[in-house]
Amino acid sequence: MDSATIPGYTYGSAAAAPLSLADLALLQTTVLWGEADERALRLAGEVLDDQIEDVLDVWYGFVGSHPHLLHYFANPAGQPIAAYLGRVRARFGQWIRDTCSRPYDQDWLNYQLEIGRRHHVAGKNQTDGVDSAALIGLRYIIAFIVPITATMREFLGRKGHAPADVEAMHQAWFKAVVLQVTLWSHPFVREGQF
């Protein structure tokens, strides 16, 4: 899918992040991010490119099988909003592509903060104009690191790369996810405490 056709995908036009590229560099240092991770993540993007729908099937199956997670995509009567799930799915797929292939520059940083805002009361439901839960609890955003990282190894290993290369891709993916979830937590933190 062309990212220009994804409803609510505003990469490159998100509001300026309250963090600088110097702040981002410090976070990257903290998660042990290096040039080898950049190379491994680019390779992961190539490996995953034709598997993204399969990855999303696994992740959506996980969310759909846990009512406490599906709740965040449901209307006040508790019924999942299919159109909402579909629009988020398209953006989630693009997020995988962006994670692996976009430069981690100011536009990328700005969009990470926008993603965080969309999980918080400051922006949840606004992009898609839905009546659903007012925020996604930060505890579930952080905890979701495990399923979106643990399930990725199988997909990374499907193209016949050496085990060491699969491990490098998986570690780079893990670091990138932790980095992004850290940034997404910004709206949940009191002013001056991030």
Protein backbone atom coordinates (compact mmCIF):
# COMPACT_ATOMS: atom_id res chain seq x y z
CA MET A 1 0.00 0.00 0.00
CA ASP A 2 1.25 3.47 -0.87
CA SER A 3 1.70 5.46 2.35
CA ALA A 4 0.04 8.49 0.71
CA THR A 5 -3.24 6.55 0.60
CA ILE A 6 -3.28 5.47 4.25
CA PRO A 7 -5.96 7.42 6.15
CA GLY A 8 -4.49 9.34 9.07
CA TYR A 9 -0.88 8.71 8.08
CA THR A 10 0.69 12.14 8.51
CA TYR A 11 4.40 11.37 8.34
CA GLY A 12 6.33 14.52 7.47
CA SER A 13 3.52 16.81 8.56
CA ALA A 14 3.34 16.00 12.27
CA ALA A 15 3.83 18.82 14.76
CA ALA A 16 7.38 19.54 15.84
CA ALA A 17 8.51 17.25 18.63
CA PRO A 18 9.45 18.80 21.99
CA LEU A 19 12.65 16.74 21.75
CA SER A 20 15.73 17.45 19.69
CA LEU A 21 17.87 15.17 17.58
CA ALA A 22 20.47 15.48 20.35
CA ASP A 23 17.88 14.07 22.79
CA LEU A 24 17.21 11.26 20.32
CA ALA A 25 20.94 10.50 20.04
CA LEU A 26 21.16 10.14 23.82
CA LEU A 27 18.23 7.71 23.82
CA GLN A 28 19.85 5.74 21.00
CA THR A 29 23.05 5.52 23.04
CA THR A 30 21.01 4.31 26.00
CA VAL A 31 19.48 1.43 24.01
CA LEU A 32 22.95 0.53 22.65
CA TRP A 33 22.02 1.61 19.12
CA GLY A 34 24.81 1.64 16.55
CA GLU A 35 25.58 1.52 12.85
CA ALA A 36 25.39 -2.28 12.84
CA ASP A 37 21.81 -1.97 14.12
CA GLU A 38 20.96 0.42 11.29
CA ARG A 39 22.28 -2.08 8.73
CA ALA A 40 20.49 -5.01 10.41
CA LEU A 41 17.22 -3.08 10.55
CA ARG A 42 17.44 -2.21 6.84
CA LEU A 43 17.95 -5.92 6.12
CA ALA A 44 14.99 -6.71 8.37
CA GLY A 45 12.89 -4.32 6.28
CA GLU A 46 13.81 -6.25 3.14
CA VAL A 47 13.03 -9.56 4.83
CA LEU A 48 9.70 -8.34 6.19
CA ASP A 49 8.47 -6.39 3.18
CA ASP A 50 6.36 -9.19 1.68
CA GLN A 51 5.38 -10.59 5.11
CA ILE A 52 3.83 -7.50 6.69
CA GLU A 53 0.23 -8.70 6.34
CA ASP A 54 1.22 -12.00 7.95
CA VAL A 55 2.89 -10.12 10.83
CA LEU A 56 -0.24 -8.01 11.27
CA ASP A 57 -2.41 -11.14 11.26
CA VAL A 58 -0.39 -12.48 14.22
CA TRP A 59 -0.49 -9.18 16.10
CA TYR A 60 -4.18 -8.59 15.44
CA GLY A 61 -4.91 -12.18 16.45
CA PHE A 62 -3.15 -11.50 19.74
CA VAL A 63 -5.07 -8.27 20.38
CA GLY A 64 -8.36 -9.83 19.26
CA SER A 65 -7.94 -12.78 21.61
CA HIS A 66 -7.50 -10.52 24.65
CA PRO A 67 -10.64 -8.49 25.49
CA HIS A 68 -8.65 -6.08 27.68
CA LEU A 69 -6.66 -5.07 24.54
CA LEU A 70 -9.52 -5.22 22.04
CA HIS A 71 -11.38 -2.80 24.33
CA TYR A 72 -9.23 0.04 22.97
CA PHE A 73 -10.72 -0.51 19.49
CA ALA A 74 -14.34 -0.96 20.60
CA ASN A 75 -17.32 1.35 20.85
CA PRO A 76 -18.97 2.18 24.22
CA ALA A 77 -21.17 -0.93 23.85
CA GLY A 78 -18.02 -3.05 23.72
CA GLN A 79 -18.28 -3.96 20.02
CA PRO A 80 -15.05 -3.76 17.99
CA ILE A 81 -15.12 -0.98 15.38
CA ALA A 82 -14.10 -2.81 12.20
CA ALA A 83 -13.33 0.32 10.15
CA TYR A 84 -11.17 1.68 12.97
CA LEU A 85 -9.26 -1.59 13.26
CA GLY A 86 -8.72 -1.54 9.50
CA ARG A 87 -7.37 2.02 9.39
CA VAL A 88 -5.08 1.39 12.35
CA ARG A 89 -3.90 -1.83 10.70
CA ALA A 90 -2.84 0.05 7.56
CA ARG A 91 -0.88 2.55 9.69
CA PHE A 92 0.60 -0.30 11.76
CA GLY A 93 1.89 -1.90 8.57
CA GLN A 94 3.43 1.37 7.48
CA TRP A 95 4.96 1.71 10.94
CA ILE A 96 6.81 -1.58 10.36
CA ARG A 97 8.16 -0.21 7.07
CA ASP A 98 9.10 3.12 8.66
CA THR A 99 10.81 1.41 11.59
CA CYS A 100 13.05 -0.50 9.22
CA SER A 101 13.64 1.96 6.41
CA ARG A 102 13.11 5.60 7.38
CA PRO A 103 16.03 7.67 8.59
CA TYR A 104 15.65 8.50 12.25
CA ASP A 105 15.62 12.22 11.54
CA GLN A 106 13.45 15.13 12.72
CA ASP A 107 10.41 14.01 10.67
CA TRP A 108 10.70 10.53 12.16
CA LEU A 109 11.06 11.96 15.68
CA ASN A 110 8.06 14.25 15.17
CA TYR A 111 5.93 11.33 13.99
CA GLN A 112 6.90 9.17 16.98
CA LEU A 113 5.57 11.86 19.28
CA GLU A 114 2.40 12.01 17.15
CA ILE A 115 1.96 8.25 17.56
CA GLY A 116 2.27 8.69 21.32
CA ARG A 117 -0.31 11.48 21.26
CA ARG A 118 -2.71 9.21 19.39
CA HIS A 119 -2.53 6.66 22.21
CA HIS A 120 -3.12 9.34 24.88
CA VAL A 121 -6.24 11.32 25.78
CA ALA A 122 -4.70 14.25 23.90
CA GLY A 123 -5.31 12.54 20.56
CA LYS A 124 -6.92 9.10 20.87
CA ASN A 125 -9.86 8.67 18.47
CA GLN A 126 -9.37 12.06 16.78
CA THR A 127 -7.56 10.82 13.68
CA ASP A 128 -10.29 8.32 12.83
CA GLY A 129 -13.25 10.18 14.35
CA VAL A 130 -14.39 7.21 16.42
CA ASP A 131 -16.09 6.83 19.79
CA SER A 132 -13.82 4.39 21.59
CA ALA A 133 -11.76 4.24 24.78
CA ALA A 134 -10.29 7.67 25.53
CA LEU A 135 -6.72 6.40 25.85
CA ILE A 136 -4.63 3.28 25.71
CA GLY A 137 -3.13 2.65 29.13
CA LEU A 138 0.61 3.22 29.12
CA ARG A 139 1.10 -0.11 30.89
CA TYR A 140 -0.22 -1.93 27.81
CA ILE A 141 1.84 0.15 25.39
CA ILE A 142 4.98 -0.79 27.31
CA ALA A 143 3.95 -4.43 27.78
CA PHE A 144 3.17 -4.78 24.07
CA ILE A 145 6.92 -4.56 23.43
CA VAL A 146 7.09 -8.27 24.21
CA PRO A 147 4.59 -9.64 21.67
CA ILE A 148 5.69 -7.34 18.85
CA THR A 149 9.31 -8.31 19.45
CA ALA A 150 9.01 -12.01 20.33
CA THR A 151 6.78 -12.79 17.35
CA MET A 152 9.12 -11.04 14.91
CA ARG A 153 11.96 -13.57 15.14
CA GLU A 154 10.06 -16.22 13.18
CA PHE A 155 9.38 -13.79 10.32
CA LEU A 156 12.99 -12.61 10.25
CA GLY A 157 14.18 -16.21 9.96
CA ARG A 158 12.02 -17.17 6.99
CA LYS A 159 14.35 -16.06 4.20
CA GLY A 160 17.29 -18.35 4.89
CA HIS A 161 19.67 -15.87 6.52
CA ALA A 162 22.38 -17.17 8.83
CA PRO A 163 21.32 -17.44 12.50
CA ALA A 164 23.75 -14.64 13.42
CA ASP A 165 22.08 -12.34 10.87
CA VAL A 166 18.61 -13.23 12.14
CA GLU A 167 19.76 -12.49 15.69
CA ALA A 168 21.24 -9.14 14.60
CA MET A 169 17.98 -8.19 12.84
CA HIS A 170 15.94 -9.26 15.86
CA GLN A 171 18.12 -7.28 18.29
CA ALA A 172 17.93 -4.20 16.05
CA TRP A 173 14.14 -4.57 15.87
CA PHE A 174 13.96 -4.88 19.66
CA LYS A 175 16.08 -1.76 20.19
CA ALA A 176 14.04 0.20 17.66
CA VAL A 177 10.78 -0.81 19.34
CA VAL A 178 12.04 0.11 22.82
CA LEU A 179 13.26 3.44 21.47
CA GLN A 180 9.89 4.20 19.90
CA VAL A 181 7.80 3.09 22.85
CA THR A 182 9.96 5.33 25.02
CA LEU A 183 9.13 8.25 22.73
CA TRP A 184 5.43 7.31 22.64
CA SER A 185 5.32 7.58 26.43
CA HIS A 186 6.08 11.32 26.28
CA PRO A 187 2.43 12.51 26.46
CA PHE A 188 1.84 10.33 29.53
CA VAL A 189 4.62 11.97 31.56
CA ARG A 190 4.24 15.15 33.55
CA GLU A 191 5.79 18.27 32.09
CA GLY A 192 9.50 18.39 32.84
CA GLN A 193 9.72 14.74 33.93
CA PHE A 194 10.29 12.99 30.60
